[in-house]
Amino acid sequence: MSNKDVLKGESRDGYVKIDRYNEDKIEAVAAHYKDILGQLGENPAREGLLKTPERVAKALQYLTHGYDLKPDEILKSAMFEEDYSQMVVVKDIEVYSMCEHHMLPFFGKAHIAYIPNGHIVGLSKIPRVVDAFARRLQVQERLTNEIRDCIQNTLSPMGVAVVIECRHLCMSMRGVQKQNSVTTTSAFTGTFLSNDKTRAEFLRLITASLD
């Protein structure tokens, strides 16, 4: 952490939330948002907006903190040799990201599977990889491919499958304004790409209920 980065904690009922902010970046981004508020016809000096530029700057820095993360290193930190060659599925991973075209959120679920080839990874690392890529300005198609490629290139499994389902506020709040539209993207490698039965099993598993 550089001397320009500040850690701030807020305690509530024993829970401490830690945020990391770069003061120089916050100041620079906030100055631009103060001008933007004026250009939109607002008064940046009124009480309700006095701290809005700083709040937006902090929010954006948090929402894009994935640029500072190395997803492959996240996986490498919990790789283990294991003689297991059946499908490993982690589904219903929450996804929160920002559309790079309008800087509006899109959010939903990611479902990921891989078939080990000598190495497995700690299950908590897969959602962290999703978050590392999602916390950037994104398009859903690229996000899907980046997650797939990171797992494939780092673990060298027999195959990787990624399906992401998201709602995009750039569609719900503007443009065609289709509030209930869901966008689904998928990406496969190895056995999931070449074997219809394996791919079908993955799709069955991610839609199945535990009840």
C-alpha atoms as a PDB file:
ATOM      1  CA  MET A   1       0.000   0.000   0.000  1.00  0.00           C
ATOM      2  CA  SER A   2       1.423   3.391  -0.978  1.00  0.00           C
ATOM      3  CA  ASN A   3       1.427   6.395   1.326  1.00  0.00           C
ATOM      4  CA  LYS A   4      -1.375   7.826  -0.793  1.00  0.00           C
ATOM      5  CA  ASP A   5      -3.653   4.863  -0.049  1.00  0.00           C
ATOM      6  CA  VAL A   6      -5.793   5.133   3.066  1.00  0.00           C
ATOM      7  CA  LEU A   7      -7.482   2.261   4.899  1.00  0.00           C
ATOM      8  CA  LYS A   8     -10.712   3.197   6.603  1.00  0.00           C
ATOM      9  CA  GLY A   9     -12.733   0.921   8.895  1.00  0.00           C
ATOM     10  CA  GLU A  10     -16.292   1.221  10.110  1.00  0.00           C
ATOM     11  CA  SER A  11     -17.437  -0.943  13.018  1.00  0.00           C
ATOM     12  CA  ARG A  12     -21.039  -2.095  13.278  1.00  0.00           C
ATOM     13  CA  ASP A  13     -22.029  -4.833  15.717  1.00  0.00           C
ATOM     14  CA  GLY A  14     -18.513  -6.216  15.741  1.00  0.00           C
ATOM     15  CA  TYR A  15     -18.170  -6.167  11.948  1.00  0.00           C
ATOM     16  CA  VAL A  16     -15.437  -3.995  10.501  1.00  0.00           C
ATOM     17  CA  LYS A  17     -15.670  -2.963   6.876  1.00  0.00           C
ATOM     18  CA  ILE A  18     -12.282  -2.039   5.411  1.00  0.00           C
ATOM     19  CA  ASP A  19     -12.132   0.240   2.370  1.00  0.00           C
ATOM     20  CA  ARG A  20      -8.946   1.273   0.593  1.00  0.00           C
ATOM     21  CA  TYR A  21      -8.884   4.610  -1.178  1.00  0.00           C
ATOM     22  CA  ASN A  22      -6.187   6.493  -3.021  1.00  0.00           C
ATOM     23  CA  GLU A  23      -6.523  10.077  -1.849  1.00  0.00           C
ATOM     24  CA  ASP A  24      -5.034  11.623  -4.999  1.00  0.00           C
ATOM     25  CA  LYS A  25      -7.417   9.693  -7.253  1.00  0.00           C
ATOM     26  CA  ILE A  26     -10.404  10.509  -5.051  1.00  0.00           C
ATOM     27  CA  GLU A  27      -9.602  14.224  -5.177  1.00  0.00           C
ATOM     28  CA  ALA A  28      -9.107  14.242  -8.955  1.00  0.00           C
ATOM     29  CA  VAL A  29     -12.258  12.243  -9.775  1.00  0.00           C
ATOM     30  CA  ALA A  30     -14.369  14.223  -7.291  1.00  0.00           C
ATOM     31  CA  ALA A  31     -13.342  17.496  -8.952  1.00  0.00           C
ATOM     32  CA  HIS A  32     -14.634  16.232 -12.291  1.00  0.00           C
ATOM     33  CA  TYR A  33     -17.922  15.121 -10.766  1.00  0.00           C
ATOM     34  CA  LYS A  34     -18.418  18.535  -9.195  1.00  0.00           C
ATOM     35  CA  ASP A  35     -18.209  20.016 -12.695  1.00  0.00           C
ATOM     36  CA  ILE A  36     -20.541  17.323 -14.057  1.00  0.00           C
ATOM     37  CA  LEU A  37     -23.202  18.166 -11.474  1.00  0.00           C
ATOM     38  CA  GLY A  38     -23.075  21.774 -12.606  1.00  0.00           C
ATOM     39  CA  GLN A  39     -23.315  20.789 -16.265  1.00  0.00           C
ATOM     40  CA  LEU A  40     -26.428  18.720 -15.450  1.00  0.00           C
ATOM     41  CA  GLY A  41     -28.117  21.837 -14.078  1.00  0.00           C
ATOM     42  CA  GLU A  42     -27.605  21.073 -10.394  1.00  0.00           C
ATOM     43  CA  ASN A  43     -26.044  23.217  -7.710  1.00  0.00           C
ATOM     44  CA  PRO A  44     -22.987  21.359  -6.356  1.00  0.00           C
ATOM     45  CA  ALA A  45     -22.908  23.741  -3.376  1.00  0.00           C
ATOM     46  CA  ARG A  46     -26.322  22.794  -1.999  1.00  0.00           C
ATOM     47  CA  GLU A  47     -26.366  20.755   1.190  1.00  0.00           C
ATOM     48  CA  GLY A  48     -27.418  17.426  -0.283  1.00  0.00           C
ATOM     49  CA  LEU A  49     -24.691  17.497  -2.943  1.00  0.00           C
ATOM     50  CA  LEU A  50     -21.742  18.911  -1.016  1.00  0.00           C
ATOM     51  CA  LYS A  51     -20.141  15.512  -0.437  1.00  0.00           C
ATOM     52  CA  THR A  52     -21.609  13.779  -3.497  1.00  0.00           C
ATOM     53  CA  PRO A  53     -18.516  14.172  -5.736  1.00  0.00           C
ATOM     54  CA  GLU A  54     -16.312  12.555  -3.077  1.00  0.00           C
ATOM     55  CA  ARG A  55     -18.843   9.779  -2.457  1.00  0.00           C
ATOM     56  CA  VAL A  56     -19.093   9.015  -6.184  1.00  0.00           C
ATOM     57  CA  ALA A  57     -15.311   9.003  -6.524  1.00  0.00           C
ATOM     58  CA  LYS A  58     -14.992   6.517  -3.651  1.00  0.00           C
ATOM     59  CA  ALA A  59     -17.782   4.357  -5.052  1.00  0.00           C
ATOM     60  CA  LEU A  60     -16.155   4.230  -8.488  1.00  0.00           C
ATOM     61  CA  GLN A  61     -12.787   3.370  -7.017  1.00  0.00           C
ATOM     62  CA  TYR A  62     -14.367   0.467  -5.152  1.00  0.00           C
ATOM     63  CA  LEU A  63     -16.437  -0.696  -8.131  1.00  0.00           C
ATOM     64  CA  THR A  64     -13.313  -0.819 -10.318  1.00  0.00           C
ATOM     65  CA  HIS A  65     -10.797  -2.165  -7.789  1.00  0.00           C
ATOM     66  CA  GLY A  66     -10.410  -5.301  -9.912  1.00  0.00           C
ATOM     67  CA  TYR A  67      -7.741  -3.498 -11.926  1.00  0.00           C
ATOM     68  CA  ASP A  68      -5.462  -3.856  -8.893  1.00  0.00           C
ATOM     69  CA  LEU A  69      -6.064  -7.614  -8.569  1.00  0.00           C
ATOM     70  CA  LYS A  70      -4.289 -10.493 -10.313  1.00  0.00           C
ATOM     71  CA  PRO A  71      -6.845 -13.277 -10.845  1.00  0.00           C
ATOM     72  CA  ASP A  72      -4.252 -15.903 -11.793  1.00  0.00           C
ATOM     73  CA  GLU A  73      -2.382 -15.256  -8.555  1.00  0.00           C
ATOM     74  CA  ILE A  74      -5.636 -15.708  -6.638  1.00  0.00           C
ATOM     75  CA  LEU A  75      -5.951 -19.204  -8.098  1.00  0.00           C
ATOM     76  CA  LYS A  76      -2.272 -20.048  -7.628  1.00  0.00           C
ATOM     77  CA  SER A  77      -2.502 -19.193  -3.935  1.00  0.00           C
ATOM     78  CA  ALA A  78      -4.740 -22.228  -3.322  1.00  0.00           C
ATOM     79  CA  MET A  79      -3.785 -24.880  -5.894  1.00  0.00           C
ATOM     80  CA  PHE A  80      -3.412 -28.438  -4.654  1.00  0.00           C
ATOM     81  CA  GLU A  81      -2.351 -31.679  -6.293  1.00  0.00           C
ATOM     82  CA  GLU A  82      -5.275 -34.092  -6.215  1.00  0.00           C
ATOM     83  CA  ASP A  83      -6.193 -37.259  -8.104  1.00  0.00           C
ATOM     84  CA  TYR A  84      -9.739 -36.164  -8.950  1.00  0.00           C
ATOM     85  CA  SER A  85     -11.052 -36.005 -12.497  1.00  0.00           C
ATOM     86  CA  GLN A  86     -14.802 -35.443 -12.123  1.00  0.00           C
ATOM     87  CA  MET A  87     -16.636 -32.207 -12.696  1.00  0.00           C
ATOM     88  CA  VAL A  88     -16.361 -29.466 -10.063  1.00  0.00           C
ATOM     89  CA  VAL A  89     -19.229 -26.968 -10.227  1.00  0.00           C
ATOM     90  CA  VAL A  90     -19.603 -23.679  -8.380  1.00  0.00           C
ATOM     91  CA  LYS A  91     -22.911 -22.067  -9.274  1.00  0.00           C
ATOM     92  CA  ASP A  92     -24.962 -18.996  -8.346  1.00  0.00           C
ATOM     93  CA  ILE A  93     -21.891 -16.799  -7.848  1.00  0.00           C
ATOM     94  CA  GLU A  94     -23.073 -13.206  -7.483  1.00  0.00           C
ATOM     95  CA  VAL A  95     -21.829 -10.868 -10.215  1.00  0.00           C
ATOM     96  CA  TYR A  96     -21.773  -7.078  -9.947  1.00  0.00           C
ATOM     97  CA  SER A  97     -20.085  -5.118 -12.704  1.00  0.00           C
ATOM     98  CA  MET A  98     -20.196  -1.861 -14.668  1.00  0.00           C
ATOM     99  CA  CYS A  99     -21.015  -1.650 -18.363  1.00  0.00           C
ATOM    100  CA  GLU A 100     -18.151   0.137 -20.094  1.00  0.00           C
ATOM    101  CA  HIS A 101     -20.475   1.716 -22.675  1.00  0.00           C
ATOM    102  CA  HIS A 102     -22.713   3.680 -20.289  1.00  0.00           C
ATOM    103  CA  MET A 103     -21.063   3.077 -16.892  1.00  0.00           C
ATOM    104  CA  LEU A 104     -24.312   1.638 -15.559  1.00  0.00           C
ATOM    105  CA  PRO A 105     -24.390  -1.561 -13.495  1.00  0.00           C
ATOM    106  CA  PHE A 106     -25.149  -5.048 -14.676  1.00  0.00           C
ATOM    107  CA  PHE A 107     -25.626  -7.849 -12.180  1.00  0.00           C
ATOM    108  CA  GLY A 108     -26.638 -11.476 -11.909  1.00  0.00           C
ATOM    109  CA  LYS A 109     -25.148 -14.932 -11.437  1.00  0.00           C
ATOM    110  CA  ALA A 110     -22.151 -16.870 -12.746  1.00  0.00           C
ATOM    111  CA  HIS A 111     -21.992 -20.655 -12.953  1.00  0.00           C
ATOM    112  CA  ILE A 112     -18.548 -22.211 -13.370  1.00  0.00           C
ATOM    113  CA  ALA A 113     -17.248 -25.745 -13.733  1.00  0.00           C
ATOM    114  CA  TYR A 114     -13.902 -27.354 -14.437  1.00  0.00           C
ATOM    115  CA  ILE A 115     -12.629 -30.901 -14.730  1.00  0.00           C
ATOM    116  CA  PRO A 116      -9.314 -31.238 -12.852  1.00  0.00           C
ATOM    117  CA  ASN A 117      -6.238 -32.624 -14.517  1.00  0.00           C
ATOM    118  CA  GLY A 118      -3.978 -33.194 -11.518  1.00  0.00           C
ATOM    119  CA  HIS A 119      -4.776 -29.975  -9.661  1.00  0.00           C
ATOM    120  CA  ILE A 120      -7.782 -28.607  -7.826  1.00  0.00           C
ATOM    121  CA  VAL A 121      -8.270 -25.122  -6.403  1.00  0.00           C
ATOM    122  CA  GLY A 122      -9.804 -23.869  -3.156  1.00  0.00           C
ATOM    123  CA  LEU A 123     -13.486 -23.326  -3.921  1.00  0.00           C
ATOM    124  CA  SER A 124     -13.567 -19.815  -2.462  1.00  0.00           C
ATOM    125  CA  LYS A 125     -11.002 -18.695  -5.037  1.00  0.00           C
ATOM    126  CA  ILE A 126     -13.366 -19.143  -7.972  1.00  0.00           C
ATOM    127  CA  PRO A 127     -15.845 -16.478  -6.784  1.00  0.00           C
ATOM    128  CA  ARG A 128     -12.873 -14.229  -6.047  1.00  0.00           C
ATOM    129  CA  VAL A 129     -11.677 -14.613  -9.632  1.00  0.00           C
ATOM    130  CA  VAL A 130     -15.156 -13.691 -10.848  1.00  0.00           C
ATOM    131  CA  ASP A 131     -15.090 -10.584  -8.675  1.00  0.00           C
ATOM    132  CA  ALA A 132     -11.583  -9.607  -9.788  1.00  0.00           C
ATOM    133  CA  PHE A 133     -12.705  -9.456 -13.415  1.00  0.00           C
ATOM    134  CA  ALA A 134     -16.187  -8.086 -12.699  1.00  0.00           C
ATOM    135  CA  ARG A 135     -14.893  -5.136 -10.673  1.00  0.00           C
ATOM    136  CA  ARG A 136     -13.716  -3.400 -13.834  1.00  0.00           C
ATOM    137  CA  LEU A 137     -15.441  -1.608 -16.688  1.00  0.00           C
ATOM    138  CA  GLN A 138     -16.745  -4.576 -18.636  1.00  0.00           C
ATOM    139  CA  VAL A 139     -18.960  -6.107 -21.247  1.00  0.00           C
ATOM    140  CA  GLN A 140     -20.546  -9.400 -20.275  1.00  0.00           C
ATOM    141  CA  GLU A 141     -19.108 -11.248 -23.264  1.00  0.00           C
ATOM    142  CA  ARG A 142     -15.520 -10.349 -22.392  1.00  0.00           C
ATOM    143  CA  LEU A 143     -16.083 -11.020 -18.701  1.00  0.00           C
ATOM    144  CA  THR A 144     -17.226 -14.561 -19.549  1.00  0.00           C
ATOM    145  CA  ASN A 145     -14.155 -15.239 -21.672  1.00  0.00           C
ATOM    146  CA  GLU A 146     -11.714 -13.745 -19.177  1.00  0.00           C
ATOM    147  CA  ILE A 147     -12.955 -15.985 -16.373  1.00  0.00           C
ATOM    148  CA  ARG A 148     -12.782 -19.044 -18.634  1.00  0.00           C
ATOM    149  CA  ASP A 149      -9.283 -18.259 -19.885  1.00  0.00           C
ATOM    150  CA  CYS A 150      -7.902 -17.505 -16.418  1.00  0.00           C
ATOM    151  CA  ILE A 151      -9.046 -20.857 -15.035  1.00  0.00           C
ATOM    152  CA  GLN A 152      -7.911 -22.759 -18.120  1.00  0.00           C
ATOM    153  CA  ASN A 153      -4.482 -21.145 -18.319  1.00  0.00           C
ATOM    154  CA  THR A 154      -3.768 -21.362 -14.589  1.00  0.00           C
ATOM    155  CA  LEU A 155      -5.084 -24.822 -13.683  1.00  0.00           C
ATOM    156  CA  SER A 156      -4.695 -26.532 -17.081  1.00  0.00           C
ATOM    157  CA  PRO A 157      -7.824 -28.618 -16.459  1.00  0.00           C
ATOM    158  CA  MET A 158      -9.431 -30.981 -18.964  1.00  0.00           C
ATOM    159  CA  GLY A 159     -12.086 -28.365 -19.564  1.00  0.00           C
ATOM    160  CA  VAL A 160     -13.740 -25.198 -18.237  1.00  0.00           C
ATOM    161  CA  ALA A 161     -17.363 -24.064 -18.525  1.00  0.00           C
ATOM    162  CA  VAL A 162     -18.684 -20.597 -17.696  1.00  0.00           C
ATOM    163  CA  VAL A 163     -22.272 -19.352 -17.948  1.00  0.00           C
ATOM    164  CA  ILE A 164     -23.258 -15.849 -16.831  1.00  0.00           C
ATOM    165  CA  GLU A 165     -26.818 -14.518 -16.569  1.00  0.00           C
ATOM    166  CA  CYS A 166     -27.238 -10.784 -15.930  1.00  0.00           C
ATOM    167  CA  ARG A 167     -29.667  -7.907 -15.991  1.00  0.00           C
ATOM    168  CA  HIS A 168     -28.279  -4.702 -17.511  1.00  0.00           C
ATOM    169  CA  LEU A 169     -29.489  -1.340 -16.257  1.00  0.00           C
ATOM    170  CA  CYS A 170     -28.461   0.224 -19.561  1.00  0.00           C
ATOM    171  CA  MET A 171     -31.359  -1.788 -21.029  1.00  0.00           C
ATOM    172  CA  SER A 172     -33.768  -1.385 -18.098  1.00  0.00           C
ATOM    173  CA  MET A 173     -33.321   2.345 -17.415  1.00  0.00           C
ATOM    174  CA  ARG A 174     -32.614   3.714 -20.892  1.00  0.00           C
ATOM    175  CA  GLY A 175     -32.764   2.702 -24.551  1.00  0.00           C
ATOM    176  CA  VAL A 176     -35.315  -0.062 -25.139  1.00  0.00           C
ATOM    177  CA  GLN A 177     -36.301  -0.069 -21.432  1.00  0.00           C
ATOM    178  CA  LYS A 178     -37.004  -3.795 -21.255  1.00  0.00           C
ATOM    179  CA  GLN A 179     -37.037  -4.227 -17.484  1.00  0.00           C
ATOM    180  CA  ASN A 180     -37.211  -8.021 -17.369  1.00  0.00           C
ATOM    181  CA  SER A 181     -34.595  -8.859 -19.994  1.00  0.00           C
ATOM    182  CA  VAL A 182     -31.804 -11.241 -18.983  1.00  0.00           C
ATOM    183  CA  THR A 183     -28.606 -11.648 -21.001  1.00  0.00           C
ATOM    184  CA  THR A 184     -26.935 -15.068 -20.965  1.00  0.00           C
ATOM    185  CA  THR A 185     -23.379 -15.690 -22.162  1.00  0.00           C
ATOM    186  CA  SER A 186     -21.358 -18.896 -22.170  1.00  0.00           C
ATOM    187  CA  ALA A 187     -17.798 -19.991 -22.842  1.00  0.00           C
ATOM    188  CA  PHE A 188     -16.274 -23.478 -22.892  1.00  0.00           C
ATOM    189  CA  THR A 189     -12.922 -25.186 -23.332  1.00  0.00           C
ATOM    190  CA  GLY A 190     -11.697 -28.761 -23.634  1.00  0.00           C
ATOM    191  CA  THR A 191     -14.166 -31.522 -22.783  1.00  0.00           C
ATOM    192  CA  PHE A 192     -17.045 -29.089 -22.354  1.00  0.00           C
ATOM    193  CA  LEU A 193     -16.484 -27.904 -25.912  1.00  0.00           C
ATOM    194  CA  SER A 194     -15.954 -31.279 -27.571  1.00  0.00           C
ATOM    195  CA  ASN A 195     -18.295 -33.542 -25.605  1.00  0.00           C
ATOM    196  CA  ASP A 196     -22.035 -32.876 -25.832  1.00  0.00           C
ATOM    197  CA  LYS A 197     -22.824 -35.140 -22.864  1.00  0.00           C
ATOM    198  CA  THR A 198     -20.377 -33.348 -20.570  1.00  0.00           C
ATOM    199  CA  ARG A 199     -21.717 -29.952 -21.575  1.00  0.00           C
ATOM    200  CA  ALA A 200     -25.310 -31.160 -21.101  1.00  0.00           C
ATOM    201  CA  GLU A 201     -24.473 -32.488 -17.620  1.00  0.00           C
ATOM    202  CA  PHE A 202     -23.053 -29.097 -16.644  1.00  0.00           C
ATOM    203  CA  LEU A 203     -26.145 -27.276 -17.896  1.00  0.00           C
ATOM    204  CA  ARG A 204     -28.367 -29.744 -16.033  1.00  0.00           C
ATOM    205  CA  LEU A 205     -26.429 -29.259 -12.798  1.00  0.00           C
ATOM    206  CA  ILE A 206     -26.589 -25.468 -12.856  1.00  0.00           C
ATOM    207  CA  THR A 207     -30.356 -25.512 -13.384  1.00  0.00           C
ATOM    208  CA  ALA A 208     -31.088 -28.273 -10.862  1.00  0.00           C
ATOM    209  CA  SER A 209     -32.500 -27.522  -7.431  1.00  0.00           C
ATOM    210  CA  LEU A 210     -31.131 -29.012  -4.217  1.00  0.00           C
ATOM    211  CA  ASP A 211     -34.696 -29.547  -2.960  1.00  0.00           C
END
